[in-house]
Amino acid sequence: MAQKLIEKIRTGKAVIGVVGLGYVGLPLVREFTRAGAKVIGFDVDATKIKNLHAGRSYIEHIPSSVVADMVRTKRFSATLDFKRLSEPDCILICVPTPLTKMREPDMTYVRSTAEAISERLRKGQLIVLESTTYPGTTKEVMLPILEKSGLKVGKDFFLAFSPEREDPGREDYSTKTIPKVVGGYDRDSLASAVACYEWAIDTVVPVSSCEAAEASKILENTYRCVNIALVNELKMLFDRMGIDVWEVVRAASTKPFGFTAFYPGPGLGGHCIPIDPFYLSWKARQYGMATRFIELAGEVNVSMPEFVINKLMYALNWREKALKGAKVLVLGLAYKKDIDDVRESPSLELIKLLQYRGAKVDYNDPHVPRTHKMREYDLKMTSKNISALMLKRYDVVLIATDHSDYDYQFIVDNAQLVIDTRNATKSVRRGRKKIVKA
C-alpha cells in the first residue's frame, strides 16, 4: 500500500490536500503547485475561498499574481466542501493550535479537522499534521479519531507529523528552502511523508517518530522564548542602571563564538513563540515535572507590555501630562517588521492597556490597513495616515514595530514625545531628547 502511494507521488500523479489556507497552508500550496502537483485547498473561511478563486492573495508576501497563476493553470482549487477530503492522496493539516485562557493547549481545530477527515478517510491516504503542538498529539489526539473510520494506521492509511517552520517576511529562506523535519507513525508512514515533501521541498530531515518531530519544533521555539525573556529581563535591569541594552547586545555580538544575539521588545508576537513553550509546560505536568525555565520566561515576556506602558506613563508625567485623555499613536500593528501578520502581536495588548487607562489611541501600519476580529481582540480600528501635522497632534508616539517604511527622523522631528521599544531611532540625529527607550 505504501509503495503504491510513494510511486504515485514520485510520478507526479498524487493529489495534495492542504487544510487551512493561512500563513502556513498557502505557502505550502504555492510550493507544491510550483513543483507541478495538483492541490486542493480546504478552509472554513468563505472570504478566503472567494479571494483565492478570484486570484487575490490575502497574505502580503504571497503576491496575487502567484495565486492567479495557480488558479489559471488549474493546478490549484480552493473549497469550503470538506466532503472532498476523500480526493487528495496526501492531506497536510495547517490549522491553528492556540492556548485557552488557562494557558492550556486548545486542540479544537485539530480535532474537528481529524473528525472531518475520518468521515471520508479512504485506503492509501497519507495524513500529516503540521500545526505546532506538544509531543504526543499526533498519536494521542489525531490517531484515535482517524481510526474511528474503521481503517488501521500503517495498514490502510499513513500518519506523520512535520512541523511548519514559516517565518513571514524572510527573504533569505522560503518554504521551499527551509529544511523540513518529518516523523512518521511507522516506517511506511515516514517513507510516504518523506516522498511527499521531497516533491516540493529542497531538504527533508527524517526523524524516528512523530514525537521527535513534535518535540523538535517545541525545542526551537522554547529556545528562542527563553533567550528573548533573558534579554527582556536584562533590558528592565539595565534600564534601572542607566545602561542601553541595545548597546550591550551589539558589543557582546562582536564575540565570534559562544554568543547568539537576541533582542528585547515590547512583548512576544507571532503564531509560535508566545504559545508553543506552554504546550510543553502543560505536557510536562502529566509527567510530574515543572518546567521552571519555560514558566519564568513566559512570565517575563508577558510582563513586557506593562513595562512599556509604565515607561510611557512616566515619560508623560515628567511632561506634566496624564495618560488618561492623552492622545497616543501606536506605530506598527504587525508582530514584527515589514509583514502584515498580527497574530499574538504585542501591539494589540499595548493598545488594549492604553485604552483601559483612558488614553485615546490610534495606530498606523503600512502593512495592516485595518484590524479584523480575532479570538482575543476586536479593536475595530483603521490605520491613520502619517503627516507632519498629524504627528504633532499626538501627545506621544509609541514605536511598537520597526517597519522599514518609516522615516524615523521625520517622526522624531514632528512628534512631541517618542517611546521606542525596538531601538528603531538609533540613527536619528536630531531631537534625541524627545526619545525614551522602553
Protein backbone atom coordinates (compact mmCIF):
# COMPACT_ATOMS: atom_id res chain seq x y z
CA MET A 1 0.00 0.00 0.00
CA ALA A 2 2.77 2.45 0.93
CA GLN A 3 4.83 1.62 -2.15
CA LYS A 4 1.84 2.29 -4.35
CA LEU A 5 1.35 5.75 -2.77
CA ILE A 6 5.06 6.57 -2.99
CA GLU A 7 5.10 5.59 -6.67
CA LYS A 8 2.07 7.81 -7.28
CA ILE A 9 3.85 10.72 -5.58
CA ARG A 10 7.12 10.21 -7.46
CA THR A 11 5.40 10.03 -10.83
CA GLY A 12 3.56 13.30 -10.13
CA LYS A 13 0.11 11.74 -10.11
CA ALA A 14 -0.74 12.25 -6.43
CA VAL A 15 -3.18 14.97 -5.40
CA ILE A 16 -2.18 17.10 -2.40
CA GLY A 17 -4.76 18.45 0.03
CA VAL A 18 -3.98 21.35 2.36
CA VAL A 19 -6.37 22.05 5.24
CA GLY A 20 -6.07 25.62 6.49
CA LEU A 21 -5.08 28.27 3.95
CA GLY A 22 -3.42 30.81 6.22
CA TYR A 23 0.20 31.83 6.76
CA VAL A 24 1.32 28.18 6.81
CA GLY A 25 -1.06 26.49 4.38
CA LEU A 26 -0.97 28.94 1.48
CA PRO A 27 2.85 28.96 1.18
CA LEU A 28 2.72 25.14 1.10
CA VAL A 29 0.16 25.29 -1.69
CA ARG A 30 2.47 27.61 -3.62
CA GLU A 31 5.45 25.24 -3.36
CA PHE A 32 3.53 22.11 -4.34
CA THR A 33 1.89 23.80 -7.32
CA ARG A 34 5.28 25.17 -8.41
CA ALA A 35 6.57 21.59 -8.30
CA GLY A 36 3.77 20.55 -10.66
CA ALA A 37 1.35 18.98 -8.18
CA LYS A 38 -2.39 19.31 -8.27
CA VAL A 39 -3.50 20.83 -4.96
CA ILE A 40 -6.90 21.16 -3.30
CA GLY A 41 -7.08 23.72 -0.50
CA PHE A 42 -9.65 23.46 2.29
CA ASP A 43 -10.75 26.25 4.62
CA VAL A 44 -13.81 27.26 6.65
CA ASP A 45 -13.44 30.95 5.76
CA ALA A 46 -15.67 31.73 2.77
CA THR A 47 -13.94 35.08 2.20
CA LYS A 48 -10.57 33.38 1.74
CA ILE A 49 -12.04 30.91 -0.75
CA LYS A 50 -13.70 33.73 -2.69
CA ASN A 51 -10.44 35.71 -2.84
CA LEU A 52 -8.44 32.69 -3.98
CA HIS A 53 -10.92 31.86 -6.74
CA ALA A 54 -10.59 35.48 -7.91
CA GLY A 55 -6.79 35.20 -7.91
CA ARG A 56 -6.39 37.54 -4.94
CA SER A 57 -3.93 36.95 -2.13
CA TYR A 58 -4.67 37.99 1.45
CA ILE A 59 -1.09 37.37 2.60
CA GLU A 60 1.34 40.16 1.79
CA HIS A 61 4.43 38.07 0.99
CA ILE A 62 2.48 35.89 -1.48
CA PRO A 63 1.62 38.13 -4.46
CA SER A 64 -1.81 37.95 -6.04
CA SER A 65 -0.08 37.16 -9.33
CA VAL A 66 1.13 33.87 -7.80
CA VAL A 67 -2.39 32.94 -6.67
CA ALA A 68 -3.85 33.95 -10.03
CA ASP A 69 -1.31 31.77 -11.83
CA MET A 70 -2.09 28.76 -9.63
CA VAL A 71 -5.80 29.14 -10.37
CA ARG A 72 -5.34 29.91 -14.08
CA THR A 73 -3.27 26.79 -14.71
CA LYS A 74 -5.84 24.71 -12.80
CA ARG A 75 -3.14 23.28 -10.55
CA PHE A 76 -4.99 24.67 -7.52
CA SER A 77 -8.58 24.86 -6.38
CA ALA A 78 -9.94 26.01 -3.03
CA THR A 79 -13.10 24.80 -1.38
CA LEU A 80 -15.32 25.00 1.69
CA ASP A 81 -16.58 21.48 0.96
CA PHE A 82 -14.84 19.09 3.36
CA LYS A 83 -16.64 16.17 1.72
CA ARG A 84 -13.91 16.42 -0.92
CA LEU A 85 -11.29 15.27 1.62
CA SER A 86 -11.52 11.82 0.05
CA GLU A 87 -9.96 13.20 -3.16
CA PRO A 88 -6.37 14.03 -2.09
CA ASP A 89 -3.79 11.29 -1.70
CA CYS A 90 -1.83 13.33 0.86
CA ILE A 91 -3.59 15.65 3.33
CA LEU A 92 -1.46 18.27 5.10
CA ILE A 93 -3.14 19.87 8.14
CA CYS A 94 -2.23 23.51 8.86
CA VAL A 95 -4.86 24.66 11.36
CA PRO A 96 -4.43 26.91 14.43
CA THR A 97 -3.38 25.48 17.80
CA PRO A 98 -3.98 28.36 20.25
CA LEU A 99 -3.94 28.39 24.03
CA THR A 100 -7.00 28.56 26.23
CA LYS A 101 -7.33 31.35 28.79
CA MET A 102 -5.84 28.92 31.30
CA ARG A 103 -2.75 28.57 29.06
CA GLU A 104 -3.59 25.01 28.10
CA PRO A 105 -3.48 23.66 24.51
CA ASP A 106 -6.67 24.21 22.55
CA MET A 107 -6.98 21.24 20.19
CA THR A 108 -10.42 22.25 18.88
CA TYR A 109 -9.26 22.86 15.30
CA VAL A 110 -7.08 19.75 15.18
CA ARG A 111 -9.88 17.56 16.49
CA SER A 112 -12.52 18.98 14.16
CA THR A 113 -10.22 18.54 11.17
CA ALA A 114 -9.42 14.96 12.18
CA GLU A 115 -13.18 14.26 12.52
CA ALA A 116 -13.82 15.68 9.05
CA ILE A 117 -11.03 13.55 7.56
CA SER A 118 -12.13 10.42 9.45
CA GLU A 119 -15.59 10.60 7.91
CA ARG A 120 -14.07 10.45 4.39
CA LEU A 121 -10.81 8.58 5.02
CA ARG A 122 -10.01 6.01 2.35
CA LYS A 123 -7.32 3.40 1.95
CA GLY A 124 -3.94 4.62 0.76
CA GLN A 125 -4.15 8.19 2.06
CA LEU A 126 -1.35 9.96 3.95
CA ILE A 127 -2.34 12.35 6.75
CA VAL A 128 0.28 14.80 8.04
CA LEU A 129 -0.23 17.23 10.92
CA GLU A 130 1.82 20.42 10.57
CA SER A 131 0.28 22.51 13.34
CA THR A 132 2.75 23.16 16.15
CA THR A 133 1.77 21.23 19.25
CA TYR A 134 3.01 19.17 22.20
CA PRO A 135 4.78 15.81 21.81
CA GLY A 136 2.17 13.06 21.56
CA THR A 137 -0.59 14.98 19.77
CA THR A 138 -0.42 13.02 16.52
CA LYS A 139 -0.78 9.64 18.24
CA GLU A 140 -2.90 10.65 21.23
CA VAL A 141 -5.34 13.08 19.57
CA MET A 142 -5.27 12.53 15.81
CA LEU A 143 -4.90 8.74 15.58
CA PRO A 144 -7.91 7.63 17.69
CA ILE A 145 -10.19 9.94 15.72
CA LEU A 146 -8.86 8.77 12.35
CA GLU A 147 -9.21 5.10 13.31
CA LYS A 148 -12.89 5.66 14.09
CA SER A 149 -13.20 5.29 10.32
CA GLY A 150 -12.53 1.57 10.74
CA LEU A 151 -9.23 1.85 8.89
CA LYS A 152 -5.91 0.99 10.56
CA VAL A 153 -2.81 3.16 10.55
CA GLY A 154 0.21 1.62 8.83
CA LYS A 155 -2.01 -0.83 7.00
CA ASP A 156 -4.82 1.16 5.41
CA PHE A 157 -3.58 4.74 5.78
CA PHE A 158 -0.40 6.53 6.87
CA LEU A 159 0.19 9.16 9.54
CA ALA A 160 3.03 11.61 10.14
CA PHE A 161 3.95 14.90 11.77
CA SER A 162 6.02 17.61 10.10
CA PRO A 163 6.29 20.94 11.95
CA GLU A 164 5.79 24.09 9.95
CA ARG A 165 8.74 26.48 10.02
CA GLU A 166 7.26 29.55 8.36
CA ASP A 167 8.78 32.92 9.18
CA PRO A 168 6.81 35.57 7.27
CA GLY A 169 8.88 38.34 5.76
CA ARG A 170 12.19 36.46 5.48
CA GLU A 171 13.97 36.90 2.17
CA ASP A 172 16.92 34.56 2.82
CA TYR A 173 14.76 31.45 3.32
CA SER A 174 11.42 30.30 1.93
CA THR A 175 9.07 27.37 2.46
CA LYS A 176 10.99 25.51 -0.23
CA THR A 177 14.47 26.11 1.19
CA ILE A 178 13.81 25.68 4.93
CA PRO A 179 14.68 22.05 5.83
CA LYS A 180 11.55 20.01 6.60
CA VAL A 181 11.60 17.75 9.66
CA VAL A 182 9.35 14.69 9.26
CA GLY A 183 8.41 11.99 11.77
CA GLY A 184 6.17 9.05 10.88
CA TYR A 185 3.96 6.74 12.92
CA ASP A 186 5.81 3.79 11.41
CA ARG A 187 8.34 3.05 8.65
CA ASP A 188 5.81 3.17 5.82
CA SER A 189 4.25 6.38 7.12
CA LEU A 190 7.67 8.02 7.30
CA ALA A 191 8.64 6.86 3.81
CA SER A 192 5.37 8.17 2.37
CA ALA A 193 5.68 11.55 4.11
CA VAL A 194 9.32 11.96 3.06
CA ALA A 195 8.37 11.22 -0.57
CA CYS A 196 5.53 13.74 -0.38
CA TYR A 197 7.68 16.60 0.91
CA GLU A 198 10.63 15.77 -1.34
CA TRP A 199 8.33 16.65 -4.22
CA ALA A 200 8.31 20.33 -3.23
CA ILE A 201 10.93 20.96 -0.51
CA ASP A 202 14.69 21.04 -1.07
CA THR A 203 15.77 19.26 2.12
CA VAL A 204 13.75 16.73 4.13
CA VAL A 205 15.04 15.66 7.56
CA PRO A 206 13.56 12.32 8.71
CA VAL A 207 13.41 11.58 12.45
CA SER A 208 12.49 8.41 14.29
CA SER A 209 8.93 9.24 15.37
CA CYS A 210 6.07 11.72 15.36
CA GLU A 211 7.01 12.65 18.92
CA ALA A 212 10.59 13.50 17.98
CA ALA A 213 9.33 15.78 15.19
CA GLU A 214 6.80 17.42 17.53
CA ALA A 215 9.47 17.94 20.19
CA SER A 216 11.94 19.45 17.70
CA LYS A 217 9.60 22.34 16.94
CA ILE A 218 8.87 22.90 20.62
CA LEU A 219 12.62 23.00 21.30
CA GLU A 220 13.22 25.56 18.54
CA ASN A 221 10.60 27.93 19.89
CA THR A 222 11.33 27.36 23.58
CA TYR A 223 15.00 28.14 22.90
CA ARG A 224 14.00 31.46 21.39
CA CYS A 225 11.40 32.20 24.06
CA VAL A 226 13.84 31.67 26.94
CA ASN A 227 16.62 33.71 25.33
CA ILE A 228 14.28 36.57 24.46
CA ALA A 229 12.99 36.52 28.04
CA LEU A 230 16.57 36.74 29.30
CA VAL A 231 17.35 39.81 27.23
CA ASN A 232 13.96 41.35 28.10
CA GLU A 233 14.73 40.92 31.80
CA LEU A 234 18.16 42.42 31.28
CA LYS A 235 16.54 45.33 29.45
CA MET A 236 14.49 46.14 32.55
CA LEU A 237 17.52 45.75 34.81
CA PHE A 238 19.83 47.81 32.61
CA ASP A 239 17.13 50.46 32.28
CA ARG A 240 17.28 50.99 36.06
CA MET A 241 21.08 51.06 35.88
CA GLY A 242 21.08 53.66 33.11
CA ILE A 243 22.64 51.24 30.59
CA ASP A 244 21.44 50.85 27.00
CA VAL A 245 20.67 47.15 26.49
CA TRP A 246 20.92 47.54 22.71
CA GLU A 247 24.48 48.80 23.02
CA VAL A 248 25.29 45.87 25.32
CA VAL A 249 23.89 43.29 22.89
CA ARG A 250 25.73 44.93 20.00
CA ALA A 251 29.00 44.80 21.94
CA ALA A 252 28.50 41.18 23.04
CA SER A 253 27.74 40.21 19.43
CA THR A 254 31.29 41.05 18.40
CA LYS A 255 32.45 37.82 20.07
CA PRO A 256 32.86 35.36 17.17
CA PHE A 257 31.87 32.30 19.22
CA GLY A 258 29.75 31.31 22.20
CA PHE A 259 27.15 34.09 21.84
CA THR A 260 23.98 34.39 19.77
CA ALA A 261 22.26 37.77 19.74
CA PHE A 262 18.63 38.00 20.83
CA TYR A 263 16.86 41.34 21.05
CA PRO A 264 14.33 42.78 23.50
CA GLY A 265 10.95 44.11 22.52
CA PRO A 266 7.51 45.17 23.80
CA GLY A 267 6.42 41.55 24.16
CA LEU A 268 6.32 38.37 22.12
CA GLY A 269 4.30 38.01 18.94
CA GLY A 270 3.65 35.57 16.15
CA HIS A 271 1.99 32.20 16.00
CA CYS A 272 4.73 30.18 17.72
CA ILE A 273 6.99 31.69 20.38
CA PRO A 274 4.29 33.16 22.68
CA ILE A 275 2.34 29.88 22.61
CA ASP A 276 4.38 26.77 21.89
CA PRO A 277 6.55 26.60 25.05
CA PHE A 278 3.38 26.45 27.15
CA TYR A 279 2.35 23.27 25.28
CA LEU A 280 5.48 21.61 26.59
CA SER A 281 4.96 23.04 30.05
CA TRP A 282 1.42 21.64 30.09
CA LYS A 283 2.59 18.25 28.85
CA ALA A 284 5.40 18.12 31.43
CA ARG A 285 2.87 18.32 34.26
CA GLN A 286 1.44 15.00 33.07
CA TYR A 287 4.87 13.53 33.81
CA GLY A 288 5.13 15.16 37.23
CA MET A 289 7.71 17.74 36.16
CA ALA A 290 7.78 21.51 36.47
CA THR A 291 9.38 23.35 33.55
CA ARG A 292 10.65 26.30 35.55
CA PHE A 293 12.67 27.92 32.76
CA ILE A 294 9.63 27.95 30.48
CA GLU A 295 7.27 29.30 33.12
CA LEU A 296 9.68 32.04 34.18
CA ALA A 297 10.39 33.01 30.57
CA GLY A 298 6.65 33.24 29.96
CA GLU A 299 6.17 35.47 32.99
CA VAL A 300 8.92 37.84 31.84
CA ASN A 301 7.73 38.06 28.25
CA VAL A 302 4.08 38.51 29.21
CA SER A 303 5.05 41.39 31.52
CA MET A 304 6.77 43.43 28.79
CA PRO A 305 3.70 45.37 27.56
CA GLU A 306 3.11 46.59 31.14
CA PHE A 307 6.75 47.69 31.35
CA VAL A 308 6.32 49.69 28.13
CA ILE A 309 3.11 51.33 29.32
CA ASN A 310 4.73 52.31 32.61
CA LYS A 311 7.68 53.88 30.77
CA LEU A 312 5.24 55.80 28.58
CA MET A 313 3.22 56.92 31.58
CA TYR A 314 6.31 58.14 33.46
CA ALA A 315 7.55 59.98 30.37
CA LEU A 316 4.22 61.78 30.08
CA ASN A 317 4.26 62.51 33.80
CA TRP A 318 7.61 64.27 33.53
CA ARG A 319 5.98 66.48 30.90
CA GLU A 320 3.11 67.19 33.32
CA LYS A 321 0.58 65.18 31.29
CA ALA A 322 -1.67 62.36 32.45
CA LEU A 323 -2.09 59.15 30.47
CA LYS A 324 -5.85 59.42 30.88
CA GLY A 325 -7.08 61.55 28.00
CA ALA A 326 -3.66 61.56 26.29
CA LYS A 327 -3.57 61.06 22.52
CA VAL A 328 -1.32 58.12 21.64
CA LEU A 329 -0.28 56.96 18.18
CA VAL A 330 0.99 53.37 18.00
CA LEU A 331 3.32 52.76 15.08
CA GLY A 332 3.15 49.17 13.87
CA LEU A 333 0.43 46.59 14.45
CA ALA A 334 2.22 43.57 12.96
CA TYR A 335 4.20 41.42 15.36
CA LYS A 336 7.48 42.09 13.54
CA LYS A 337 8.84 44.46 10.91
CA ASP A 338 7.80 44.52 7.26
CA ILE A 339 4.99 41.93 7.40
CA ASP A 340 1.19 42.03 7.68
CA ASP A 341 0.86 39.27 10.30
CA VAL A 342 -0.74 40.46 13.56
CA ARG A 343 -1.16 37.10 15.29
CA GLU A 344 -0.36 37.47 19.01
CA SER A 345 1.17 40.88 18.28
CA PRO A 346 2.19 42.80 21.42
CA SER A 347 0.82 45.93 19.73
CA LEU A 348 -2.70 44.61 20.30
CA GLU A 349 -2.07 44.25 24.03
CA LEU A 350 -0.42 47.68 24.16
CA ILE A 351 -3.48 49.28 22.58
CA LYS A 352 -5.80 47.46 24.98
CA LEU A 353 -3.76 48.56 28.00
CA LEU A 354 -3.64 52.16 26.80
CA GLN A 355 -7.38 52.26 26.20
CA TYR A 356 -8.05 50.69 29.61
CA ARG A 357 -6.07 53.51 31.22
CA GLY A 358 -8.12 56.13 29.42
CA ALA A 359 -5.82 57.08 26.55
CA LYS A 360 -7.18 57.97 23.11
CA VAL A 361 -5.37 55.57 20.80
CA ASP A 362 -4.82 55.43 17.04
CA TYR A 363 -2.41 53.31 15.06
CA ASN A 364 -0.53 53.37 11.78
CA ASP A 365 0.79 50.35 9.93
CA PRO A 366 1.58 50.44 6.19
CA HIS A 367 1.07 46.67 6.05
CA VAL A 368 -2.17 46.46 8.07
CA PRO A 369 -4.77 48.94 6.78
CA ARG A 370 -7.45 47.84 9.26
CA THR A 371 -7.92 45.47 12.18
CA HIS A 372 -10.05 42.36 11.99
CA LYS A 373 -11.83 40.28 14.59
CA MET A 374 -9.54 37.78 16.33
CA ARG A 375 -10.01 35.30 19.14
CA GLU A 376 -8.91 37.76 21.84
CA TYR A 377 -9.23 41.17 20.20
CA ASP A 378 -11.71 43.09 18.09
CA LEU A 379 -10.32 46.64 18.01
CA LYS A 380 -12.37 47.92 15.05
CA MET A 381 -9.61 50.37 14.07
CA THR A 382 -8.25 51.73 10.79
CA SER A 383 -4.67 52.77 10.11
CA LYS A 384 -4.17 56.54 10.15
CA ASN A 385 -2.09 58.30 7.52
CA ILE A 386 1.12 59.88 8.76
CA SER A 387 1.91 63.54 8.13
CA ALA A 388 3.83 66.22 9.98
CA LEU A 389 0.62 67.91 11.13
CA MET A 390 -0.89 64.60 12.21
CA LEU A 391 2.14 63.62 14.30
CA LYS A 392 2.11 66.97 16.12
CA ARG A 393 -1.44 66.28 17.31
CA TYR A 394 -0.42 63.33 19.47
CA ASP A 395 0.98 63.61 22.97
CA VAL A 396 3.14 60.55 22.38
CA VAL A 397 4.14 58.29 19.50
CA LEU A 398 4.81 54.68 20.53
CA ILE A 399 7.03 52.68 18.16
CA ALA A 400 5.85 49.10 18.62
CA THR A 401 7.04 47.64 15.29
CA ASP A 402 10.12 48.93 13.48
CA HIS A 403 8.89 48.81 9.88
CA SER A 404 11.47 49.81 7.28
CA ASP A 405 8.92 52.11 5.62
CA TYR A 406 9.03 54.58 8.49
CA ASP A 407 11.20 57.70 8.29
CA TYR A 408 12.24 57.81 11.93
CA GLN A 409 13.97 61.17 11.70
CA PHE A 410 10.76 62.64 10.26
CA ILE A 411 8.74 61.03 13.05
CA VAL A 412 11.01 62.38 15.80
CA ASP A 413 11.15 65.83 14.18
CA ASN A 414 7.37 66.16 14.31
CA ALA A 415 6.38 64.18 17.40
CA GLN A 416 6.18 65.69 20.87
CA LEU A 417 7.42 62.51 22.56
CA VAL A 418 8.59 59.15 21.16
CA ILE A 419 8.61 55.86 23.06
CA ASP A 420 10.91 53.47 21.19
CA THR A 421 10.55 49.75 22.03
CA ARG A 422 12.67 48.46 19.10
CA ASN A 423 15.73 50.72 19.00
CA ALA A 424 14.29 52.00 15.72
CA THR A 425 15.57 55.54 16.35
CA LYS A 426 19.21 54.50 16.77
CA SER A 427 20.28 56.50 13.70
CA VAL A 428 18.22 59.60 14.49
CA ARG A 429 20.48 62.64 14.95
CA ARG A 430 18.06 65.44 15.84
CA GLY A 431 15.61 65.52 18.72
CA ARG A 432 17.07 62.71 20.79
CA LYS A 433 15.78 64.35 23.98
CA LYS A 434 12.27 63.51 22.80
CA ILE A 435 13.09 59.79 22.68
CA VAL A 436 12.52 57.39 25.57
CA LYS A 437 13.56 53.77 25.09
CA ALA A 438 11.23 51.18 26.56
